[in-house]
Amino acid sequence: MKVFSDEIKKIINEIGESISFLVSENSSIMKKIEILKNKGYIVSITIEASEEFESDFFIEEEVNKNKHPFTVKDREFLKKLKIKLPDDSD
């Protein structure tokens, strides 16, 4: 699982606070949220942050160095999808 740096966490929190403020100031959105809540739904907005794919050069270097066809990022992605590789230790 990816652990975010304090800087990234701070930025994500600031985005969340800005979105919350804008949503709370928009009466149309608030009315629609209230309708959903009255019908028994829990309403939430999720912010997702992920790293971009690396350039082909770095991927090729990492694959050659590790002697297998998957980079560390490939393995992390597959793990999130709950896909195990034959040589996974966990």
PDB file of N, CA and C in Angstrom:
ATOM      1  N   MET A   1       0.839  -1.179   0.000  1.00  0.00           N
ATOM      2  CA  MET A   1       0.000   0.000   0.000  1.00  0.00           C
ATOM      3  C   MET A   1       0.885   1.245   0.000  1.00  0.00           C
ATOM      4  N   LYS A   2       0.522   2.219  -0.801  1.00  0.00           N
ATOM      5  CA  LYS A   2       1.287   3.451  -0.914  1.00  0.00           C
ATOM      6  C   LYS A   2       1.057   4.325   0.299  1.00  0.00           C
ATOM      7  N   VAL A   3       2.148   4.812   0.891  1.00  0.00           N
ATOM      8  CA  VAL A   3       2.072   5.722   2.018  1.00  0.00           C
ATOM      9  C   VAL A   3       2.428   7.114   1.495  1.00  0.00           C
ATOM     10  N   PHE A   4       1.535   8.070   1.709  1.00  0.00           N
ATOM     11  CA  PHE A   4       1.766   9.417   1.208  1.00  0.00           C
ATOM     12  C   PHE A   4       2.658  10.207   2.144  1.00  0.00           C
ATOM     13  N   SER A   5       3.456  11.088   1.574  1.00  0.00           N
ATOM     14  CA  SER A   5       4.296  11.976   2.379  1.00  0.00           C
ATOM     15  C   SER A   5       3.406  12.998   3.080  1.00  0.00           C
ATOM     16  N   ASP A   6       3.952  13.658   4.085  1.00  0.00           N
ATOM     17  CA  ASP A   6       3.199  14.682   4.809  1.00  0.00           C
ATOM     18  C   ASP A   6       2.750  15.800   3.869  1.00  0.00           C
ATOM     19  N   GLU A   7       3.599  16.137   2.897  1.00  0.00           N
ATOM     20  CA  GLU A   7       3.252  17.196   1.933  1.00  0.00           C
ATOM     21  C   GLU A   7       2.024  16.796   1.115  1.00  0.00           C
ATOM     22  N   ILE A   8       2.004  15.558   0.628  1.00  0.00           N
ATOM     23  CA  ILE A   8       0.872  15.080  -0.181  1.00  0.00           C
ATOM     24  C   ILE A   8      -0.386  15.018   0.682  1.00  0.00           C
ATOM     25  N   LYS A   9      -0.265  14.518   1.918  1.00  0.00           N
ATOM     26  CA  LYS A   9      -1.417  14.470   2.820  1.00  0.00           C
ATOM     27  C   LYS A   9      -1.991  15.867   3.041  1.00  0.00           C
ATOM     28  N   LYS A  10      -1.106  16.855   3.221  1.00  0.00           N
ATOM     29  CA  LYS A  10      -1.539  18.234   3.451  1.00  0.00           C
ATOM     30  C   LYS A  10      -2.303  18.754   2.226  1.00  0.00           C
ATOM     31  N   ILE A  11      -1.771  18.503   1.045  1.00  0.00           N
ATOM     32  CA  ILE A  11      -2.428  18.959  -0.183  1.00  0.00           C
ATOM     33  C   ILE A  11      -3.789  18.295  -0.340  1.00  0.00           C
ATOM     34  N   ILE A  12      -3.863  16.993  -0.093  1.00  0.00           N
ATOM     35  CA  ILE A  12      -5.134  16.270  -0.205  1.00  0.00           C
ATOM     36  C   ILE A  12      -6.143  16.833   0.792  1.00  0.00           C
ATOM     37  N   ASN A  13      -5.710  17.096   2.023  1.00  0.00           N
ATOM     38  CA  ASN A  13      -6.601  17.685   3.029  1.00  0.00           C
ATOM     39  C   ASN A  13      -7.095  19.060   2.606  1.00  0.00           C
ATOM     40  N   GLU A  14      -6.206  19.878   2.025  1.00  0.00           N
ATOM     41  CA  GLU A  14      -6.600  21.212   1.565  1.00  0.00           C
ATOM     42  C   GLU A  14      -7.635  21.113   0.441  1.00  0.00           C
ATOM     43  N   ILE A  15      -7.436  20.164  -0.464  1.00  0.00           N
ATOM     44  CA  ILE A  15      -8.417  19.960  -1.541  1.00  0.00           C
ATOM     45  C   ILE A  15      -9.757  19.548  -0.933  1.00  0.00           C
ATOM     46  N   GLY A  16      -9.722  18.623   0.019  1.00  0.00           N
ATOM     47  CA  GLY A  16     -10.944  18.168   0.673  1.00  0.00           C
ATOM     48  C   GLY A  16     -11.680  19.304   1.365  1.00  0.00           C
ATOM     49  N   GLU A  17     -10.931  20.152   2.074  1.00  0.00           N
ATOM     50  CA  GLU A  17     -11.546  21.298   2.746  1.00  0.00           C
ATOM     51  C   GLU A  17     -12.170  22.260   1.739  1.00  0.00           C
ATOM     52  N   SER A  18     -11.484  22.496   0.616  1.00  0.00           N
ATOM     53  CA  SER A  18     -12.014  23.391  -0.421  1.00  0.00           C
ATOM     54  C   SER A  18     -13.290  22.825  -1.028  1.00  0.00           C
ATOM     55  N   ILE A  19     -13.284  21.529  -1.313  1.00  0.00           N
ATOM     56  CA  ILE A  19     -14.472  20.890  -1.881  1.00  0.00           C
ATOM     57  C   ILE A  19     -15.627  20.947  -0.886  1.00  0.00           C
ATOM     58  N   SER A  20     -15.361  20.652   0.379  1.00  0.00           N
ATOM     59  CA  SER A  20     -16.406  20.713   1.410  1.00  0.00           C
ATOM     60  C   SER A  20     -17.008  22.104   1.496  1.00  0.00           C
ATOM     61  N   PHE A  21     -16.156  23.109   1.468  1.00  0.00           N
ATOM     62  CA  PHE A  21     -16.639  24.485   1.534  1.00  0.00           C
ATOM     63  C   PHE A  21     -17.522  24.801   0.337  1.00  0.00           C
ATOM     64  N   LEU A  22     -17.039  24.462  -0.868  1.00  0.00           N
ATOM     65  CA  LEU A  22     -17.804  24.766  -2.076  1.00  0.00           C
ATOM     66  C   LEU A  22     -19.135  24.026  -2.106  1.00  0.00           C
ATOM     67  N   VAL A  23     -19.121  22.773  -1.683  1.00  0.00           N
ATOM     68  CA  VAL A  23     -20.361  21.984  -1.655  1.00  0.00           C
ATOM     69  C   VAL A  23     -21.337  22.593  -0.655  1.00  0.00           C
ATOM     70  N   SER A  24     -20.844  22.957   0.538  1.00  0.00           N
ATOM     71  CA  SER A  24     -21.735  23.510   1.570  1.00  0.00           C
ATOM     72  C   SER A  24     -22.295  24.870   1.173  1.00  0.00           C
ATOM     73  N   GLU A  25     -21.605  25.591   0.320  1.00  0.00           N
ATOM     74  CA  GLU A  25     -22.068  26.897  -0.137  1.00  0.00           C
ATOM     75  C   GLU A  25     -23.041  26.804  -1.317  1.00  0.00           C
ATOM     76  N   ASN A  26     -23.160  25.636  -1.916  1.00  0.00           N
ATOM     77  CA  ASN A  26     -24.027  25.455  -3.082  1.00  0.00           C
ATOM     78  C   ASN A  26     -25.350  24.845  -2.621  1.00  0.00           C
ATOM     79  N   SER A  27     -26.390  25.656  -2.592  1.00  0.00           N
ATOM     80  CA  SER A  27     -27.678  25.195  -2.059  1.00  0.00           C
ATOM     81  C   SER A  27     -28.285  24.079  -2.908  1.00  0.00           C
ATOM     82  N   SER A  28     -28.044  24.094  -4.201  1.00  0.00           N
ATOM     83  CA  SER A  28     -28.577  23.044  -5.072  1.00  0.00           C
ATOM     84  C   SER A  28     -27.985  21.682  -4.706  1.00  0.00           C
ATOM     85  N   ILE A  29     -26.667  21.648  -4.527  1.00  0.00           N
ATOM     86  CA  ILE A  29     -25.999  20.396  -4.156  1.00  0.00           C
ATOM     87  C   ILE A  29     -26.457  19.960  -2.766  1.00  0.00           C
ATOM     88  N   MET A  30     -26.532  20.898  -1.834  1.00  0.00           N
ATOM     89  CA  MET A  30     -26.935  20.562  -0.469  1.00  0.00           C
ATOM     90  C   MET A  30     -28.355  19.995  -0.429  1.00  0.00           C
ATOM     91  N   LYS A  31     -29.250  20.534  -1.246  1.00  0.00           N
ATOM     92  CA  LYS A  31     -30.621  20.019  -1.304  1.00  0.00           C
ATOM     93  C   LYS A  31     -30.628  18.576  -1.801  1.00  0.00           C
ATOM     94  N   LYS A  32     -29.832  18.305  -2.821  1.00  0.00           N
ATOM     95  CA  LYS A  32     -29.768  16.944  -3.377  1.00  0.00           C
ATOM     96  C   LYS A  32     -29.142  15.968  -2.373  1.00  0.00           C
ATOM     97  N   ILE A  33     -28.131  16.421  -1.659  1.00  0.00           N
ATOM     98  CA  ILE A  33     -27.518  15.584  -0.623  1.00  0.00           C
ATOM     99  C   ILE A  33     -28.542  15.297   0.471  1.00  0.00           C
ATOM    100  N   GLU A  34     -29.311  16.303   0.854  1.00  0.00           N
ATOM    101  CA  GLU A  34     -30.328  16.138   1.894  1.00  0.00           C
ATOM    102  C   GLU A  34     -31.406  15.138   1.448  1.00  0.00           C
ATOM    103  N   ILE A  35     -31.789  15.190   0.178  1.00  0.00           N
ATOM    104  CA  ILE A  35     -32.767  14.226  -0.354  1.00  0.00           C
ATOM    105  C   ILE A  35     -32.232  12.805  -0.199  1.00  0.00           C
ATOM    106  N   LEU A  36     -30.968  12.599  -0.591  1.00  0.00           N
ATOM    107  CA  LEU A  36     -30.363  11.272  -0.473  1.00  0.00           C
ATOM    108  C   LEU A  36     -30.285  10.818   0.980  1.00  0.00           C
ATOM    109  N   LYS A  37     -29.892  11.715   1.870  1.00  0.00           N
ATOM    110  CA  LYS A  37     -29.809  11.370   3.287  1.00  0.00           C
ATOM    111  C   LYS A  37     -31.176  10.996   3.850  1.00  0.00           C
ATOM    112  N   ASN A  38     -32.213  11.746   3.443  1.00  0.00           N
ATOM    113  CA  ASN A  38     -33.571  11.448   3.904  1.00  0.00           C
ATOM    114  C   ASN A  38     -34.063  10.089   3.405  1.00  0.00           C
ATOM    115  N   LYS A  39     -33.486   9.621   2.312  1.00  0.00           N
ATOM    116  CA  LYS A  39     -33.847   8.302   1.775  1.00  0.00           C
ATOM    117  C   LYS A  39     -32.975   7.196   2.380  1.00  0.00           C
ATOM    118  N   GLY A  40     -32.110   7.574   3.333  1.00  0.00           N
ATOM    119  CA  GLY A  40     -31.303   6.583   4.037  1.00  0.00           C
ATOM    120  C   GLY A  40     -29.915   6.347   3.474  1.00  0.00           C
ATOM    121  N   TYR A  41     -29.486   7.172   2.533  1.00  0.00           N
ATOM    122  CA  TYR A  41     -28.159   6.994   1.947  1.00  0.00           C
ATOM    123  C   TYR A  41     -27.123   7.804   2.718  1.00  0.00           C
ATOM    124  N   ILE A  42     -25.910   7.295   2.746  1.00  0.00           N
ATOM    125  CA  ILE A  42     -24.770   8.040   3.280  1.00  0.00           C
ATOM    126  C   ILE A  42     -24.054   8.640   2.079  1.00  0.00           C
ATOM    127  N   VAL A  43     -23.815   9.933   2.128  1.00  0.00           N
ATOM    128  CA  VAL A  43     -23.200  10.631   0.994  1.00  0.00           C
ATOM    129  C   VAL A  43     -21.771  10.998   1.357  1.00  0.00           C
ATOM    130  N   SER A  44     -20.841  10.654   0.472  1.00  0.00           N
ATOM    131  CA  SER A  44     -19.447  11.045   0.701  1.00  0.00           C
ATOM    132  C   SER A  44     -18.785  11.332  -0.638  1.00  0.00           C
ATOM    133  N   ILE A  45     -17.765  12.139  -0.577  1.00  0.00           N
ATOM    134  CA  ILE A  45     -16.953  12.453  -1.759  1.00  0.00           C
ATOM    135  C   ILE A  45     -15.556  11.932  -1.464  1.00  0.00           C
ATOM    136  N   THR A  46     -15.000  11.178  -2.384  1.00  0.00           N
ATOM    137  CA  THR A  46     -13.691  10.575  -2.188  1.00  0.00           C
ATOM    138  C   THR A  46     -12.669  11.257  -3.090  1.00  0.00           C
ATOM    139  N   ILE A  47     -11.517  11.557  -2.517  1.00  0.00           N
ATOM    140  CA  ILE A  47     -10.402  12.108  -3.284  1.00  0.00           C
ATOM    141  C   ILE A  47      -9.375  11.004  -3.419  1.00  0.00           C
ATOM    142  N   GLU A  48      -8.970  10.734  -4.645  1.00  0.00           N
ATOM    143  CA  GLU A  48      -7.983   9.693  -4.882  1.00  0.00           C
ATOM    144  C   GLU A  48      -6.738  10.314  -5.499  1.00  0.00           C
ATOM    145  N   ALA A  49      -5.595   9.924  -5.006  1.00  0.00           N
ATOM    146  CA  ALA A  49      -4.328  10.384  -5.563  1.00  0.00           C
ATOM    147  C   ALA A  49      -3.508   9.158  -5.934  1.00  0.00           C
ATOM    148  N   SER A  50      -2.977   9.145  -7.135  1.00  0.00           N
ATOM    149  CA  SER A  50      -2.129   8.030  -7.555  1.00  0.00           C
ATOM    150  C   SER A  50      -0.986   8.569  -8.394  1.00  0.00           C
ATOM    151  N   GLU A  51       0.080   7.828  -8.420  1.00  0.00           N
ATOM    152  CA  GLU A  51       1.245   8.245  -9.184  1.00  0.00           C
ATOM    153  C   GLU A  51       1.046   7.898 -10.654  1.00  0.00           C
ATOM    154  N   GLU A  52       1.633   8.718 -11.509  1.00  0.00           N
ATOM    155  CA  GLU A  52       1.576   8.442 -12.931  1.00  0.00           C
ATOM    156  C   GLU A  52       2.526   7.301 -13.269  1.00  0.00           C
ATOM    157  N   PHE A  53       2.316   6.703 -14.436  1.00  0.00           N
ATOM    158  CA  PHE A  53       3.234   5.669 -14.894  1.00  0.00           C
ATOM    159  C   PHE A  53       4.588   6.287 -15.184  1.00  0.00           C
ATOM    160  N   GLU A  54       5.621   5.504 -14.939  1.00  0.00           N
ATOM    161  CA  GLU A  54       6.976   5.970 -15.208  1.00  0.00           C
ATOM    162  C   GLU A  54       7.255   5.893 -16.706  1.00  0.00           C
ATOM    163  N   SER A  55       8.296   6.586 -17.120  1.00  0.00           N
ATOM    164  CA  SER A  55       8.674   6.537 -18.522  1.00  0.00           C
ATOM    165  C   SER A  55       9.171   5.132 -18.869  1.00  0.00           C
ATOM    166  N   ASP A  56       9.090   4.770 -20.133  1.00  0.00           N
ATOM    167  CA  ASP A  56       9.514   3.446 -20.589  1.00  0.00           C
ATOM    168  C   ASP A  56      10.974   3.164 -20.238  1.00  0.00           C
ATOM    169  N   PHE A  57      11.828   4.193 -20.278  1.00  0.00           N
ATOM    170  CA  PHE A  57      13.247   4.003 -19.980  1.00  0.00           C
ATOM    171  C   PHE A  57      13.427   3.455 -18.564  1.00  0.00           C
ATOM    172  N   PHE A  58      12.787   4.085 -17.592  1.00  0.00           N
ATOM    173  CA  PHE A  58      12.939   3.654 -16.204  1.00  0.00           C
ATOM    174  C   PHE A  58      12.308   2.293 -15.972  1.00  0.00           C
ATOM    175  N   ILE A  59      11.203   2.025 -16.620  1.00  0.00           N
ATOM    176  CA  ILE A  59      10.571   0.715 -16.489  1.00  0.00           C
ATOM    177  C   ILE A  59      11.492  -0.364 -17.035  1.00  0.00           C
ATOM    178  N   GLU A  60      12.069  -0.134 -18.205  1.00  0.00           N
ATOM    179  CA  GLU A  60      12.966  -1.113 -18.807  1.00  0.00           C
ATOM    180  C   GLU A  60      14.185  -1.352 -17.921  1.00  0.00           C
ATOM    181  N   GLU A  61      14.753  -0.294 -17.369  1.00  0.00           N
ATOM    182  CA  GLU A  61      15.904  -0.422 -16.474  1.00  0.00           C
ATOM    183  C   GLU A  61      15.540  -1.262 -15.248  1.00  0.00           C
ATOM    184  N   GLU A  62      14.386  -0.997 -14.653  1.00  0.00           N
ATOM    185  CA  GLU A  62      13.977  -1.724 -13.450  1.00  0.00           C
ATOM    186  C   GLU A  62      13.709  -3.191 -13.759  1.00  0.00           C
ATOM    187  N   VAL A  63      13.051  -3.471 -14.875  1.00  0.00           N
ATOM    188  CA  VAL A  63      12.763  -4.856 -15.266  1.00  0.00           C
ATOM    189  C   VAL A  63      14.061  -5.608 -15.497  1.00  0.00           C
ATOM    190  N   ASN A  64      14.997  -4.995 -16.212  1.00  0.00           N
ATOM    191  CA  ASN A  64      16.277  -5.656 -16.473  1.00  0.00           C
ATOM    192  C   ASN A  64      17.039  -5.908 -15.175  1.00  0.00           C
ATOM    193  N   LYS A  65      17.008  -4.957 -14.264  1.00  0.00           N
ATOM    194  CA  LYS A  65      17.721  -5.085 -12.994  1.00  0.00           C
ATOM    195  C   LYS A  65      17.116  -6.201 -12.135  1.00  0.00           C
ATOM    196  N   ASN A  66      15.806  -6.318 -12.127  1.00  0.00           N
ATOM    197  CA  ASN A  66      15.133  -7.286 -11.263  1.00  0.00           C
ATOM    198  C   ASN A  66      14.957  -8.659 -11.904  1.00  0.00           C
ATOM    199  N   LYS A  67      15.250  -8.807 -13.167  1.00  0.00           N
ATOM    200  CA  LYS A  67      15.188 -10.087 -13.873  1.00  0.00           C
ATOM    201  C   LYS A  67      13.783 -10.712 -13.886  1.00  0.00           C
ATOM    202  N   HIS A  68      12.759  -9.897 -13.834  1.00  0.00           N
ATOM    203  CA  HIS A  68      11.396 -10.390 -13.989  1.00  0.00           C
ATOM    204  C   HIS A  68      10.603  -9.335 -14.772  1.00  0.00           C
ATOM    205  N   PRO A  69       9.472  -9.715 -15.353  1.00  0.00           N
ATOM    206  CA  PRO A  69       8.765  -8.801 -16.252  1.00  0.00           C
ATOM    207  C   PRO A  69       7.903  -7.738 -15.563  1.00  0.00           C
ATOM    208  N   PHE A  70       7.938  -7.630 -14.233  1.00  0.00           N
ATOM    209  CA  PHE A  70       7.089  -6.677 -13.544  1.00  0.00           C
ATOM    210  C   PHE A  70       7.906  -5.698 -12.715  1.00  0.00           C
ATOM    211  N   THR A  71       7.575  -4.425 -12.819  1.00  0.00           N
ATOM    212  CA  THR A  71       8.220  -3.421 -11.977  1.00  0.00           C
ATOM    213  C   THR A  71       7.570  -3.445 -10.598  1.00  0.00           C
ATOM    214  N   VAL A  72       8.166  -2.717  -9.677  1.00  0.00           N
ATOM    215  CA  VAL A  72       7.593  -2.606  -8.336  1.00  0.00           C
ATOM    216  C   VAL A  72       6.195  -2.015  -8.427  1.00  0.00           C
ATOM    217  N   LYS A  73       6.021  -1.010  -9.267  1.00  0.00           N
ATOM    218  CA  LYS A  73       4.703  -0.386  -9.430  1.00  0.00           C
ATOM    219  C   LYS A  73       3.702  -1.367 -10.029  1.00  0.00           C
ATOM    220  N   ASP A  74       4.159  -2.211 -10.973  1.00  0.00           N
ATOM    221  CA  ASP A  74       3.285  -3.249 -11.531  1.00  0.00           C
ATOM    222  C   ASP A  74       2.792  -4.166 -10.420  1.00  0.00           C
ATOM    223  N   ARG A  75       3.716  -4.584  -9.579  1.00  0.00           N
ATOM    224  CA  ARG A  75       3.373  -5.499  -8.482  1.00  0.00           C
ATOM    225  C   ARG A  75       2.407  -4.846  -7.494  1.00  0.00           C
ATOM    226  N   GLU A  76       2.642  -3.567  -7.178  1.00  0.00           N
ATOM    227  CA  GLU A  76       1.736  -2.853  -6.269  1.00  0.00           C
ATOM    228  C   GLU A  76       0.337  -2.769  -6.870  1.00  0.00           C
ATOM    229  N   PHE A  77       0.265  -2.468  -8.163  1.00  0.00           N
ATOM    230  CA  PHE A  77      -1.020  -2.369  -8.850  1.00  0.00           C
ATOM    231  C   PHE A  77      -1.746  -3.720  -8.841  1.00  0.00           C
ATOM    232  N   LEU A  78      -1.032  -4.777  -9.171  1.00  0.00           N
ATOM    233  CA  LEU A  78      -1.638  -6.109  -9.182  1.00  0.00           C
ATOM    234  C   LEU A  78      -2.091  -6.507  -7.774  1.00  0.00           C
ATOM    235  N   LYS A  79      -1.319  -6.127  -6.771  1.00  0.00           N
ATOM    236  CA  LYS A  79      -1.688  -6.441  -5.391  1.00  0.00           C
ATOM    237  C   LYS A  79      -2.993  -5.736  -5.015  1.00  0.00           C
ATOM    238  N   LYS A  80      -3.165  -4.481  -5.453  1.00  0.00           N
ATOM    239  CA  LYS A  80      -4.410  -3.753  -5.194  1.00  0.00           C
ATOM    240  C   LYS A  80      -5.601  -4.466  -5.827  1.00  0.00           C
ATOM    241  N   LEU A  81      -5.352  -5.105  -6.961  1.00  0.00           N
ATOM    242  CA  LEU A  81      -6.406  -5.862  -7.645  1.00  0.00           C
ATOM    243  C   LEU A  81      -6.548  -7.267  -7.085  1.00  0.00           C
ATOM    244  N   LYS A  82      -5.746  -7.570  -6.053  1.00  0.00           N
ATOM    245  CA  LYS A  82      -5.732  -8.889  -5.394  1.00  0.00           C
ATOM    246  C   LYS A  82      -5.313  -9.999  -6.362  1.00  0.00           C
ATOM    247  N   ILE A  83      -4.357  -9.654  -7.244  1.00  0.00           N
ATOM    248  CA  ILE A  83      -3.798 -10.633  -8.171  1.00  0.00           C
ATOM    249  C   ILE A  83      -2.424 -11.022  -7.659  1.00  0.00           C
ATOM    250  N   LYS A  84      -2.232 -12.316  -7.376  1.00  0.00           N
ATOM    251  CA  LYS A  84      -0.932 -12.793  -6.879  1.00  0.00           C
ATOM    252  C   LYS A  84      -0.107 -13.322  -8.043  1.00  0.00           C
ATOM    253  N   LEU A  85       1.179 -13.077  -7.957  1.00  0.00           N
ATOM    254  CA  LEU A  85       2.114 -13.615  -8.925  1.00  0.00           C
ATOM    255  C   LEU A  85       2.744 -14.872  -8.323  1.00  0.00           C
ATOM    256  N   PRO A  86       3.201 -15.804  -9.167  1.00  0.00           N
ATOM    257  CA  PRO A  86       3.763 -17.065  -8.644  1.00  0.00           C
ATOM    258  C   PRO A  86       4.897 -16.879  -7.658  1.00  0.00           C
ATOM    259  N   ASP A  87       5.704 -15.827  -7.804  1.00  0.00           N
ATOM    260  CA  ASP A  87       6.847 -15.639  -6.906  1.00  0.00           C
ATOM    261  C   ASP A  87       6.574 -14.643  -5.785  1.00  0.00           C
ATOM    262  N   ASP A  88       5.301 -14.291  -5.531  1.00  0.00           N
ATOM    263  CA  ASP A  88       4.969 -13.392  -4.416  1.00  0.00           C
ATOM    264  C   ASP A  88       5.156 -14.118  -3.098  1.00  0.00           C
ATOM    265  N   SER A  89       5.795 -13.426  -2.156  1.00  0.00           N
ATOM    266  CA  SER A  89       6.043 -14.044  -0.849  1.00  0.00           C
ATOM    267  C   SER A  89       4.916 -13.801   0.135  1.00  0.00           C
ATOM    268  N   ASP A  90       4.047 -12.781  -0.123  1.00  0.00           N
ATOM    269  CA  ASP A  90       2.956 -12.511   0.829  1.00  0.00           C
ATOM    270  C   ASP A  90       1.596 -12.807   0.272  1.00  0.00           C
TER     271      ASP A  90
END
